[in-house]
Amino acid sequence: MSELAETSQESGWLPLDRRSLLVTAQMTGGVVTAIGLPVTLSFQGWVDMGPVVAWAVGLGLLVIASGVGLDALRLRHSRYRVGPERAELRSGVLFAKHRSLNRERIRSVDLVAHPLLRLLGLVEVRIGTGEQSSAQEATLELRPVRRAEGERLRRELLSRAAPDAAPDAEGTIAALDLRWVRYAPLSFITSALAAAAGGAVMQVSEWFGAQEEVIEWVGDVFRGMSVTGMVLALVAVGLAAGSVGALGLWIGMWWNYRLDREPSGTLRVRRGLFTTRSISLEEARLRGVDVVEPLGLRLSGAARVDAVATGLSRRDEEDHAGPNTLLPAAPRRLADDVAARVLREPVTPTAARLTAHPRAARARRVRWAVSAATAPALVLLLLGALLELPVLMYLGAGFAVVLVPVAVALAHDAYRSLGHALDGGYLVVRSGTLRRSTVALRRGGVIGWTVKQSALQRRAGLVTLSATTAAGAQAYAAYDVGEAEGLEFAERAVPGLLGPFLERGPGTVPGARGTARPATTDPRRYRRPQRATRCS
């Protein structure tokens, strides 16, 4: 008997649920049908269909049997155990693997169940330590176990009391409101789905040899319309299809949404219509929040709330929502309230009054915007002149007339979005126009500063300050802030971290506005770009 077979008899080792074989058979059968049916039908009219169908059915059954057999081997060689100190998983058919996580390092236990697993009362359990590096080795995946067993493992592994938990702070923080669905078509995914829908129609019609008929039908429908009118009509139809798709995706992702704070000091997000997800975030890993306002949502007065926390792997974004999203697109007032309750603050720091950046930052954005808008216009004008094609020149002029005002308006909006502030124990920075982000980061979570200054920024007296942290995006920047003001802001946010790199004028008070300046006389104390860090 092999070592793995012997471990199945040891006390404490538990097998995975064997109903996984039914799930594998159904999923493999679905894939075989989806691929085999169009291929089989493509032979119709060319050969006798009897032998073709027989071969197709035989091959399909062989593939299904192979998939079930491989899954049976996986289940036979997989065992897990949760002891007082460690959570362990033994697996592997050709190469035995024994992976073990210290329970003190476990920070997340997420439950995921697609429709077939839900039908059988099963879930996949993902146990993680919250480490960013080697995410695969820092996670144990039990696929699958009974739902009751998954809930038991989640409660047991996350049963650590919150250090400063207040009983009245526990319970539901936010729950689904069907009125939020109106924000779904306002995301950028709508245009992506519209383009995908058009491409899918053309691709499917090509598979069935009907692409020319589809193009002729479209021409007949829009016969008599100008080219501009036809383009606008097609765009409108595509956006309508994209909006329907965005609504479907939103409902699939956020149905039954609920955000709870549990007695163990854990934030738990539950959501999903077809594939249900239960994502747990230990509050000890929380370093702040990010209130995100894409342009469409901002114009409609909505925002979403993301957690700035350690150990949230981007590889978990299987449904484009992300494990760090605490609240989907909702009214901004509600987003601020949820952010405050998540941080256990009476008022969210993301609503603090921010310090505006110098006007030189606006000039930089206007120059960038005008350059980006005129570049395609200049290319078209040049090609039109070289190739003697007036249509390209007209198109280039049209691009300039339309894009330059839009670009300038976005540049001014981007400047108005810039800001930074200190609010109690939080550092707040905001930037962006197509995607405006307001981040409130706990000052104790800042482990370093990166100061960047290009040649053009140096001439304008600006710097970009990035607060580095072990959480979220790893760095959050205050773009194009005044040099003296920015360095003083960094020193006040985390006293002593950037101080050794600053030089103050004689008779000034440390921390007074406008007194900090870069010590350019001693290159050992200040370098451009430079970074100051500390151990967390």
Protein backbone atom coordinates (compact mmCIF):
# COMPACT_ATOMS: atom_id res chain seq x y z
CA MET A 1 0.00 0.00 0.00
CA SER A 2 1.39 3.43 -0.96
CA GLU A 3 2.11 6.18 1.52
CA LEU A 4 -0.90 8.21 0.36
CA ALA A 5 -3.17 5.20 0.67
CA GLU A 6 -1.95 4.62 4.21
CA THR A 7 -2.63 8.22 5.19
CA SER A 8 -6.32 7.75 4.36
CA GLN A 9 -6.55 5.46 7.37
CA GLU A 10 -4.77 7.86 9.74
CA SER A 11 -6.81 9.71 12.32
CA GLY A 12 -7.90 13.19 11.22
CA TRP A 13 -7.35 12.79 7.48
CA LEU A 14 -10.57 13.33 5.49
CA PRO A 15 -11.36 12.57 1.82
CA LEU A 16 -12.87 14.95 -0.68
CA ASP A 17 -16.47 14.34 -1.73
CA ARG A 18 -16.80 11.64 -4.39
CA ARG A 19 -19.81 13.34 -5.96
CA SER A 20 -17.18 15.34 -7.77
CA LEU A 21 -17.28 12.49 -10.32
CA LEU A 22 -20.85 13.44 -11.26
CA VAL A 23 -19.82 17.06 -11.71
CA THR A 24 -16.85 16.05 -13.88
CA ALA A 25 -19.04 13.79 -16.04
CA GLN A 26 -21.60 16.55 -16.60
CA MET A 27 -19.04 19.25 -17.35
CA THR A 28 -17.02 17.03 -19.68
CA GLY A 29 -20.21 15.95 -21.42
CA GLY A 30 -21.22 19.57 -21.94
CA VAL A 31 -17.84 20.45 -23.46
CA VAL A 32 -17.89 17.37 -25.71
CA THR A 33 -21.39 18.21 -26.93
CA ALA A 34 -20.58 21.86 -27.55
CA ILE A 35 -17.53 20.94 -29.64
CA GLY A 36 -18.65 17.68 -31.21
CA LEU A 37 -22.14 18.67 -32.37
CA PRO A 38 -21.07 21.51 -34.75
CA VAL A 39 -18.18 19.40 -36.06
CA THR A 40 -20.47 16.43 -36.71
CA LEU A 41 -23.12 18.56 -38.44
CA SER A 42 -20.46 20.07 -40.70
CA PHE A 43 -20.17 16.65 -42.45
CA GLN A 44 -23.87 16.70 -43.38
CA GLY A 45 -24.36 16.45 -47.12
CA TRP A 46 -20.80 15.24 -47.75
CA VAL A 47 -20.76 11.70 -46.35
CA ASP A 48 -23.12 9.11 -44.88
CA MET A 49 -24.03 10.48 -41.43
CA GLY A 50 -24.54 7.07 -39.77
CA PRO A 51 -20.83 6.19 -39.31
CA VAL A 52 -19.98 9.81 -38.50
CA VAL A 53 -22.52 9.94 -35.66
CA ALA A 54 -21.35 6.58 -34.35
CA TRP A 55 -17.73 7.70 -34.29
CA ALA A 56 -18.67 11.01 -32.67
CA VAL A 57 -20.70 9.30 -29.93
CA GLY A 58 -17.95 6.78 -29.30
CA LEU A 59 -15.24 9.42 -29.06
CA GLY A 60 -17.45 11.55 -26.81
CA LEU A 61 -18.07 8.67 -24.40
CA LEU A 62 -14.34 7.89 -24.38
CA VAL A 63 -13.48 11.50 -23.49
CA ILE A 64 -16.10 11.56 -20.73
CA ALA A 65 -14.87 8.26 -19.30
CA SER A 66 -11.27 9.50 -19.38
CA GLY A 67 -12.20 12.68 -17.55
CA VAL A 68 -14.11 10.77 -14.88
CA GLY A 69 -11.25 8.31 -14.50
CA LEU A 70 -8.66 11.05 -14.00
CA ASP A 71 -10.89 12.76 -11.44
CA ALA A 72 -11.34 9.44 -9.61
CA LEU A 73 -7.55 9.09 -9.37
CA ARG A 74 -7.30 12.65 -8.06
CA LEU A 75 -9.91 11.97 -5.37
CA ARG A 76 -8.27 8.68 -4.38
CA HIS A 77 -4.94 10.39 -3.75
CA SER A 78 -6.29 13.54 -2.07
CA ARG A 79 -6.75 13.92 1.70
CA TYR A 80 -6.95 16.98 3.94
CA ARG A 81 -6.65 17.58 7.65
CA VAL A 82 -7.15 20.58 9.95
CA GLY A 83 -5.31 20.22 13.22
CA PRO A 84 -4.74 22.54 16.17
CA GLU A 85 -1.73 24.16 14.49
CA ARG A 86 -1.82 23.41 10.76
CA ALA A 87 -4.14 22.88 7.79
CA GLU A 88 -2.75 20.22 5.45
CA LEU A 89 -3.51 18.81 2.01
CA ARG A 90 -2.01 15.71 0.41
CA SER A 91 -2.55 15.24 -3.31
CA GLY A 92 -0.90 14.13 -6.54
CA VAL A 93 -1.21 11.08 -8.78
CA LEU A 94 2.24 10.79 -10.35
CA PHE A 95 4.01 13.08 -7.90
CA ALA A 96 2.84 13.13 -4.29
CA LYS A 97 2.52 16.59 -2.74
CA HIS A 98 2.10 17.46 0.91
CA ARG A 99 1.25 21.12 1.50
CA SER A 100 0.78 22.62 4.92
CA LEU A 101 -0.27 26.05 6.21
CA ASN A 102 0.23 27.35 9.72
CA ARG A 103 -3.20 28.23 11.13
CA GLU A 104 -1.85 31.47 12.59
CA ARG A 105 -0.99 32.61 9.05
CA ILE A 106 -4.37 31.75 7.51
CA ARG A 107 -6.18 34.96 6.57
CA SER A 108 -8.96 33.91 4.18
CA VAL A 109 -11.31 30.98 3.67
CA ASP A 110 -13.45 31.51 0.55
CA LEU A 111 -16.29 29.28 -0.63
CA VAL A 112 -17.14 29.03 -4.35
CA ALA A 113 -19.90 26.93 -5.94
CA HIS A 114 -20.98 26.88 -9.59
CA PRO A 115 -24.50 25.61 -10.48
CA LEU A 116 -23.56 21.92 -10.70
CA LEU A 117 -21.87 22.03 -7.29
CA ARG A 118 -24.84 23.88 -5.80
CA LEU A 119 -27.21 21.27 -7.20
CA LEU A 120 -25.32 18.59 -5.28
CA GLY A 121 -24.80 20.67 -2.14
CA LEU A 122 -21.04 20.99 -2.64
CA VAL A 123 -18.54 23.88 -2.52
CA GLU A 124 -14.90 24.53 -3.33
CA VAL A 125 -12.93 25.79 -0.32
CA ARG A 126 -9.92 28.07 -0.84
CA ILE A 127 -7.75 28.55 2.22
CA GLY A 128 -5.17 31.34 1.87
CA THR A 129 -2.47 32.99 3.95
CA GLY A 130 -2.75 36.40 2.33
CA GLU A 131 0.75 36.32 0.81
CA GLN A 132 1.24 38.07 -2.52
CA SER A 133 4.22 36.00 -3.66
CA SER A 134 3.82 32.41 -4.88
CA ALA A 135 0.04 32.62 -4.49
CA GLN A 136 -0.44 29.00 -5.56
CA GLU A 137 1.78 27.71 -2.76
CA ALA A 138 0.05 30.02 -0.25
CA THR A 139 -3.41 28.56 -0.96
CA LEU A 140 -5.01 25.18 -0.27
CA GLU A 141 -7.93 24.31 -2.54
CA LEU A 142 -10.35 21.58 -1.47
CA ARG A 143 -12.39 20.58 -4.55
CA PRO A 144 -15.05 19.77 -3.50
CA VAL A 145 -16.53 19.21 0.01
CA ARG A 146 -20.05 19.37 1.39
CA ARG A 147 -21.38 22.88 1.98
CA ALA A 148 -21.81 22.23 5.70
CA GLU A 149 -18.17 21.07 5.89
CA GLY A 150 -17.04 24.18 4.03
CA GLU A 151 -18.90 26.45 6.45
CA ARG A 152 -17.41 24.54 9.39
CA LEU A 153 -13.89 24.96 8.03
CA ARG A 154 -14.46 28.68 7.44
CA ARG A 155 -15.72 29.28 10.98
CA GLU A 156 -13.01 27.15 12.57
CA LEU A 157 -10.07 28.61 10.65
CA LEU A 158 -11.19 32.23 11.07
CA SER A 159 -12.28 31.97 14.71
CA ARG A 160 -10.03 34.74 16.00
CA ALA A 161 -11.65 37.52 17.95
CA ALA A 162 -11.22 41.04 16.61
CA PRO A 163 -8.78 43.01 18.78
CA ASP A 164 -11.08 46.03 19.19
CA ALA A 165 -14.39 44.63 18.01
CA ALA A 166 -17.46 46.53 19.13
CA PRO A 167 -20.60 44.37 19.47
CA ASP A 168 -22.80 47.04 17.88
CA ALA A 169 -20.54 47.07 14.80
CA GLU A 170 -21.32 43.45 13.95
CA GLY A 171 -24.05 42.39 11.56
CA THR A 172 -25.05 43.41 8.05
CA ILE A 173 -23.26 46.44 6.64
CA ALA A 174 -24.90 46.41 3.19
CA ALA A 175 -27.31 44.22 1.24
CA LEU A 176 -28.54 44.06 -2.36
CA ASP A 177 -30.84 46.83 -3.58
CA LEU A 178 -32.27 46.02 -7.01
CA ARG A 179 -32.26 49.72 -7.88
CA TRP A 180 -28.46 49.48 -8.21
CA VAL A 181 -28.89 47.49 -11.40
CA ARG A 182 -29.45 50.77 -13.27
CA TYR A 183 -25.73 51.47 -12.95
CA ALA A 184 -24.70 48.28 -14.77
CA PRO A 185 -24.87 49.69 -18.35
CA LEU A 186 -22.77 52.72 -17.31
CA SER A 187 -19.56 50.71 -17.04
CA PHE A 188 -16.92 50.43 -19.76
CA ILE A 189 -17.79 46.76 -20.16
CA THR A 190 -20.92 47.78 -22.09
CA SER A 191 -18.92 49.01 -25.08
CA ALA A 192 -16.66 45.93 -24.89
CA LEU A 193 -19.69 43.63 -24.96
CA ALA A 194 -21.16 45.61 -27.86
CA ALA A 195 -18.00 45.07 -29.91
CA ALA A 196 -17.89 41.41 -28.87
CA ALA A 197 -21.53 40.93 -29.94
CA GLY A 198 -20.82 42.34 -33.41
CA GLY A 199 -17.75 40.17 -33.78
CA ALA A 200 -19.65 37.09 -32.62
CA VAL A 201 -22.40 37.63 -35.20
CA MET A 202 -19.86 37.87 -38.01
CA GLN A 203 -17.88 34.86 -36.77
CA VAL A 204 -20.91 32.59 -36.38
CA SER A 205 -22.26 33.62 -39.76
CA GLU A 206 -18.87 32.74 -41.28
CA TRP A 207 -18.97 29.28 -39.65
CA PHE A 208 -22.28 28.57 -41.35
CA GLY A 209 -21.24 30.21 -44.64
CA ALA A 210 -23.84 32.97 -44.30
CA GLN A 211 -21.63 36.02 -43.72
CA GLU A 212 -22.42 37.57 -47.10
CA GLU A 213 -26.15 37.12 -46.50
CA VAL A 214 -25.85 38.86 -43.14
CA ILE A 215 -23.99 41.80 -44.69
CA GLU A 216 -26.60 42.06 -47.46
CA TRP A 217 -29.42 41.95 -44.90
CA VAL A 218 -27.83 44.79 -42.93
CA GLY A 219 -27.49 46.79 -46.14
CA ASP A 220 -31.17 46.22 -46.99
CA VAL A 221 -32.28 47.30 -43.51
CA PHE A 222 -30.37 50.58 -43.68
CA ARG A 223 -30.93 51.24 -47.38
CA GLY A 224 -31.54 54.89 -48.05
CA MET A 225 -29.64 56.09 -44.98
CA SER A 226 -26.44 58.07 -45.13
CA VAL A 227 -23.16 56.46 -44.07
CA THR A 228 -23.12 58.55 -40.90
CA GLY A 229 -26.68 57.58 -40.04
CA MET A 230 -25.97 53.90 -40.66
CA VAL A 231 -22.87 54.00 -38.43
CA LEU A 232 -24.79 55.74 -35.65
CA ALA A 233 -27.64 53.25 -35.93
CA LEU A 234 -25.26 50.28 -35.75
CA VAL A 235 -23.51 51.82 -32.73
CA ALA A 236 -26.87 52.30 -31.02
CA VAL A 237 -27.87 48.68 -31.70
CA GLY A 238 -24.48 47.48 -30.42
CA LEU A 239 -24.74 49.56 -27.23
CA ALA A 240 -28.25 48.24 -26.64
CA ALA A 241 -26.96 44.68 -26.95
CA GLY A 242 -23.99 45.57 -24.71
CA SER A 243 -26.34 47.05 -22.10
CA VAL A 244 -28.37 43.86 -22.01
CA GLY A 245 -25.17 41.86 -21.62
CA ALA A 246 -23.91 44.18 -18.85
CA LEU A 247 -27.21 43.78 -17.00
CA GLY A 248 -26.90 40.00 -17.25
CA LEU A 249 -23.32 40.03 -16.00
CA TRP A 250 -24.20 42.32 -13.10
CA ILE A 251 -27.09 40.12 -12.01
CA GLY A 252 -24.93 37.01 -12.31
CA MET A 253 -22.17 38.57 -10.18
CA TRP A 254 -24.11 40.50 -7.54
CA TRP A 255 -27.38 38.65 -7.01
CA ASN A 256 -27.96 37.88 -3.30
CA TYR A 257 -25.13 40.32 -2.42
CA ARG A 258 -24.53 40.84 1.28
CA LEU A 259 -21.68 42.42 3.26
CA ASP A 260 -21.46 41.33 6.90
CA ARG A 261 -19.10 41.89 9.79
CA GLU A 262 -18.75 38.71 11.83
CA PRO A 263 -17.84 38.34 15.53
CA SER A 264 -14.47 36.87 14.56
CA GLY A 265 -13.39 40.25 13.18
CA THR A 266 -13.99 39.22 9.56
CA LEU A 267 -15.70 41.04 6.71
CA ARG A 268 -17.68 38.58 4.59
CA VAL A 269 -19.00 39.26 1.08
CA ARG A 270 -21.56 36.82 -0.34
CA ARG A 271 -22.79 37.17 -3.91
CA GLY A 272 -23.63 35.36 -7.13
CA LEU A 273 -26.64 33.98 -9.00
CA PHE A 274 -25.27 30.97 -10.86
CA THR A 275 -21.85 30.71 -9.22
CA THR A 276 -22.10 31.70 -5.57
CA ARG A 277 -19.09 33.14 -3.78
CA SER A 278 -18.35 33.71 -0.12
CA ILE A 279 -15.23 35.86 0.31
CA SER A 280 -13.81 36.48 3.79
CA LEU A 281 -11.47 39.35 4.62
CA GLU A 282 -9.85 39.50 8.03
CA GLU A 283 -9.98 43.06 9.35
CA ALA A 284 -6.42 42.76 10.60
CA ARG A 285 -5.37 42.80 6.92
CA LEU A 286 -7.37 45.93 6.11
CA ARG A 287 -5.23 49.02 5.45
CA GLY A 288 -7.90 51.32 4.04
CA VAL A 289 -10.55 51.69 1.35
CA ASP A 290 -10.69 52.92 -2.24
CA VAL A 291 -13.84 54.69 -3.47
CA VAL A 292 -13.78 54.18 -7.26
CA GLU A 293 -15.83 56.35 -9.63
CA PRO A 294 -15.56 55.49 -13.34
CA LEU A 295 -16.74 58.38 -15.49
CA GLY A 296 -20.18 56.92 -16.22
CA LEU A 297 -20.87 56.17 -12.57
CA ARG A 298 -19.55 59.55 -11.44
CA LEU A 299 -21.88 61.40 -13.81
CA SER A 300 -24.80 59.45 -12.35
CA GLY A 301 -23.72 60.05 -8.74
CA ALA A 302 -22.55 56.49 -8.02
CA ALA A 303 -19.36 54.78 -6.85
CA ARG A 304 -18.09 51.41 -5.68
CA VAL A 305 -15.97 50.57 -2.64
CA ASP A 306 -12.84 48.40 -2.80
CA ALA A 307 -10.80 47.19 0.14
CA VAL A 308 -7.11 48.08 0.39
CA ALA A 309 -5.88 44.93 2.10
CA THR A 310 -2.94 42.57 2.09
CA GLY A 311 -3.06 39.20 0.42
CA LEU A 312 -5.85 39.69 -2.14
CA SER A 313 -4.61 37.86 -5.25
CA ARG A 314 -5.69 39.20 -8.66
CA ARG A 315 -5.82 35.67 -10.02
CA ASP A 316 -9.16 35.28 -8.21
CA GLU A 317 -10.86 37.74 -10.57
CA GLU A 318 -12.71 35.00 -12.43
CA ASP A 319 -15.88 37.04 -12.88
CA HIS A 320 -14.34 40.52 -13.34
CA ALA A 321 -15.55 41.66 -9.90
CA GLY A 322 -12.41 41.04 -7.87
CA PRO A 323 -12.02 39.72 -4.33
CA ASN A 324 -11.38 43.24 -3.00
CA THR A 325 -14.76 44.73 -4.01
CA LEU A 326 -16.83 45.33 -0.89
CA LEU A 327 -19.71 47.23 -2.51
CA PRO A 328 -20.78 47.23 -6.18
CA ALA A 329 -21.79 50.42 -7.96
CA ALA A 330 -24.24 52.19 -5.64
CA PRO A 331 -25.23 55.79 -4.79
CA ARG A 332 -22.20 57.78 -3.62
CA ARG A 333 -23.80 58.61 -0.27
CA LEU A 334 -24.25 54.91 0.45
CA ALA A 335 -20.67 54.19 -0.71
CA ASP A 336 -19.37 56.75 1.80
CA ASP A 337 -21.50 55.23 4.57
CA VAL A 338 -20.25 51.70 3.80
CA ALA A 339 -16.63 52.91 3.70
CA ALA A 340 -17.07 54.55 7.13
CA ARG A 341 -18.62 51.42 8.65
CA VAL A 342 -15.94 49.18 7.18
CA LEU A 343 -13.24 51.38 8.72
CA ARG A 344 -15.22 51.75 11.99
CA GLU A 345 -15.17 55.53 11.61
CA PRO A 346 -18.06 57.98 12.18
CA VAL A 347 -17.31 59.70 8.84
CA THR A 348 -15.38 58.18 5.96
CA PRO A 349 -11.94 59.76 5.35
CA THR A 350 -12.63 59.59 1.60
CA ALA A 351 -15.09 62.47 2.06
CA ALA A 352 -12.43 64.73 3.64
CA ARG A 353 -11.71 68.14 2.14
CA LEU A 354 -8.67 67.77 -0.10
CA THR A 355 -5.85 70.19 -0.82
CA ALA A 356 -5.78 71.29 -4.47
CA HIS A 357 -2.59 70.88 -6.50
CA PRO A 358 -0.70 73.76 -8.18
CA ARG A 359 -1.93 75.18 -11.49
CA ALA A 360 1.20 73.84 -13.15
CA ALA A 361 -0.35 70.38 -12.77
CA ARG A 362 -3.33 71.55 -14.85
CA ALA A 363 -1.05 72.88 -17.58
CA ARG A 364 0.74 69.51 -17.76
CA ARG A 365 -2.56 67.68 -18.22
CA VAL A 366 -3.77 70.08 -20.90
CA ARG A 367 -0.53 69.60 -22.85
CA TRP A 368 -0.81 65.81 -22.59
CA ALA A 369 -4.46 65.86 -23.68
CA VAL A 370 -3.90 68.16 -26.67
CA SER A 371 -0.89 66.11 -27.81
CA ALA A 372 -2.85 62.85 -27.59
CA ALA A 373 -5.84 64.31 -29.44
CA THR A 374 -3.88 65.97 -32.26
CA ALA A 375 -1.54 63.03 -32.94
CA PRO A 376 -4.07 60.92 -34.95
CA ALA A 377 -5.34 64.04 -36.71
CA LEU A 378 -1.83 64.99 -37.80
CA VAL A 379 -1.14 61.45 -39.02
CA LEU A 380 -4.31 61.48 -41.15
CA LEU A 381 -3.55 64.95 -42.53
CA LEU A 382 -0.01 63.89 -43.42
CA LEU A 383 -1.16 60.68 -45.11
CA GLY A 384 -3.85 62.57 -46.99
CA ALA A 385 -1.32 65.10 -48.27
CA LEU A 386 1.24 62.46 -49.27
CA LEU A 387 -1.29 60.13 -50.93
CA GLU A 388 -3.39 62.99 -52.32
CA LEU A 389 -6.53 61.62 -50.69
CA PRO A 390 -8.79 64.49 -49.60
CA VAL A 391 -10.99 62.10 -47.60
CA LEU A 392 -8.12 61.43 -45.18
CA MET A 393 -7.50 65.13 -44.78
CA TYR A 394 -11.19 65.77 -44.05
CA LEU A 395 -11.17 62.90 -41.58
CA GLY A 396 -8.07 64.30 -39.84
CA ALA A 397 -9.65 67.74 -39.58
CA GLY A 398 -12.79 66.18 -38.16
CA PHE A 399 -10.74 64.29 -35.59
CA ALA A 400 -9.07 67.53 -34.50
CA VAL A 401 -12.36 69.45 -34.25
CA VAL A 402 -14.04 66.72 -32.19
CA LEU A 403 -11.22 65.28 -30.08
CA VAL A 404 -9.34 68.41 -28.98
CA PRO A 405 -12.25 70.03 -27.06
CA VAL A 406 -13.12 66.69 -25.46
CA ALA A 407 -9.49 66.11 -24.49
CA VAL A 408 -9.16 69.59 -22.97
CA ALA A 409 -12.37 69.10 -20.98
CA LEU A 410 -11.08 65.78 -19.64
CA ALA A 411 -7.73 67.39 -18.77
CA HIS A 412 -9.45 70.07 -16.68
CA ASP A 413 -11.55 67.39 -15.00
CA ALA A 414 -8.41 65.37 -14.27
CA TYR A 415 -6.86 68.43 -12.63
CA ARG A 416 -9.97 69.04 -10.50
CA SER A 417 -9.80 65.41 -9.39
CA LEU A 418 -6.29 65.81 -7.99
CA GLY A 419 -6.05 66.21 -4.24
CA HIS A 420 -4.46 65.02 -1.02
CA ALA A 421 -5.12 65.39 2.70
CA LEU A 422 -4.48 63.99 6.16
CA ASP A 423 -7.62 63.02 8.03
CA GLY A 424 -6.96 61.70 11.50
CA GLY A 425 -5.14 58.41 11.15
CA TYR A 426 -5.57 58.30 7.36
CA LEU A 427 -3.67 59.56 4.34
CA VAL A 428 -6.07 60.46 1.51
CA VAL A 429 -5.11 60.85 -2.17
CA ARG A 430 -7.35 61.26 -5.21
CA SER A 431 -6.68 61.24 -8.96
CA GLY A 432 -8.14 60.15 -12.30
CA THR A 433 -10.88 61.26 -14.66
CA LEU A 434 -12.04 58.22 -16.67
CA ARG A 435 -11.55 56.29 -13.43
CA ARG A 436 -11.40 58.57 -10.43
CA SER A 437 -10.01 56.90 -7.33
CA THR A 438 -10.12 58.27 -3.78
CA VAL A 439 -7.92 56.18 -1.48
CA ALA A 440 -7.93 56.45 2.30
CA LEU A 441 -4.83 54.64 3.58
CA ARG A 442 -4.04 54.10 7.23
CA ARG A 443 -0.90 56.03 8.04
CA GLY A 444 0.41 53.09 10.05
CA GLY A 445 0.21 50.97 6.89
CA VAL A 446 2.63 53.20 4.94
CA ILE A 447 6.03 51.51 4.85
CA GLY A 448 7.83 53.88 2.50
CA TRP A 449 7.75 56.84 0.15
CA THR A 450 8.87 57.08 -3.44
CA VAL A 451 9.61 60.60 -4.72
CA LYS A 452 9.74 60.97 -8.51
CA GLN A 453 10.56 64.15 -10.40
CA SER A 454 11.06 64.36 -14.14
CA ALA A 455 12.93 67.16 -15.82
CA LEU A 456 9.67 68.89 -16.78
CA GLN A 457 8.32 68.48 -13.24
CA ARG A 458 11.53 69.99 -11.86
CA ARG A 459 11.06 73.07 -14.04
CA ALA A 460 7.46 73.41 -12.82
CA GLY A 461 8.36 72.78 -9.17
CA LEU A 462 6.30 69.57 -8.95
CA VAL A 463 6.89 66.06 -7.64
CA THR A 464 4.96 62.81 -7.59
CA LEU A 465 4.80 61.19 -4.17
CA SER A 466 3.90 57.49 -3.90
CA ALA A 467 3.03 55.98 -0.52
CA THR A 468 4.16 52.35 -0.62
CA THR A 469 2.33 49.71 1.37
CA ALA A 470 2.05 45.94 1.50
CA ALA A 471 -1.65 46.14 0.61
CA GLY A 472 -3.74 46.65 -2.51
CA ALA A 473 -1.89 48.16 -5.47
CA GLN A 474 1.32 48.37 -3.39
CA ALA A 475 1.65 52.15 -4.03
CA TYR A 476 -0.76 55.09 -4.04
CA ALA A 477 0.40 58.34 -5.59
CA ALA A 478 -0.24 62.04 -5.14
CA TYR A 479 0.53 63.25 -8.65
CA ASP A 480 2.08 66.62 -9.45
CA VAL A 481 2.00 68.14 -5.99
CA GLY A 482 4.08 71.20 -5.15
CA GLU A 483 7.64 70.18 -4.26
CA ALA A 484 7.91 71.77 -0.79
CA GLU A 485 4.26 71.10 0.07
CA GLY A 486 4.47 67.47 -1.06
CA LEU A 487 7.59 66.67 0.92
CA GLU A 488 6.10 68.31 3.99
CA PHE A 489 2.89 66.32 3.47
CA ALA A 490 4.86 63.06 3.36
CA GLU A 491 6.78 63.97 6.52
CA ARG A 492 3.60 64.88 8.40
CA ALA A 493 1.83 61.72 7.26
CA VAL A 494 4.53 59.40 8.63
CA PRO A 495 6.87 61.44 10.85
CA GLY A 496 10.50 60.42 10.74
CA LEU A 497 10.27 58.32 7.58
CA LEU A 498 11.24 61.01 5.07
CA GLY A 499 12.82 63.41 7.59
CA PRO A 500 16.46 62.30 7.04
CA PHE A 501 16.06 63.25 3.36
CA LEU A 502 14.78 66.78 4.03
CA GLU A 503 16.61 70.03 4.75
CA ARG A 504 14.92 72.91 6.51
CA GLY A 505 15.80 76.56 6.47
CA PRO A 506 17.32 78.24 9.55
CA GLY A 507 14.84 79.21 12.23
CA THR A 508 11.94 77.18 10.82
CA VAL A 509 9.66 74.95 12.81
CA PRO A 510 9.56 71.29 11.74
CA GLY A 511 6.29 70.57 10.00
CA ALA A 512 5.48 74.24 9.22
CA ARG A 513 4.00 74.78 5.76
CA GLY A 514 6.46 75.62 3.01
CA THR A 515 9.59 75.04 5.07
CA ALA A 516 10.65 71.65 3.75
CA ARG A 517 12.80 71.50 0.65
CA PRO A 518 14.93 68.80 -1.00
CA ALA A 519 18.53 68.73 0.20
CA THR A 520 20.20 68.95 -3.17
CA THR A 521 23.56 69.97 -1.70
CA ASP A 522 24.27 66.51 -0.29
CA PRO A 523 23.57 63.71 -2.81
CA ARG A 524 23.89 61.10 -0.09
CA ARG A 525 20.78 62.51 1.64
CA TYR A 526 18.49 63.13 -1.32
CA ARG A 527 18.42 61.68 -4.81
CA ARG A 528 16.00 62.00 -7.73
CA PRO A 529 14.13 59.73 -8.00
CA GLN A 530 14.53 58.47 -4.44
CA ARG A 531 12.74 56.15 -2.06
CA ALA A 532 12.48 56.09 1.72
CA THR A 533 11.30 52.89 3.35
CA ARG A 534 10.89 51.35 6.73
CA CYS A 535 10.18 47.87 8.01
CA SER A 536 6.54 47.17 8.75
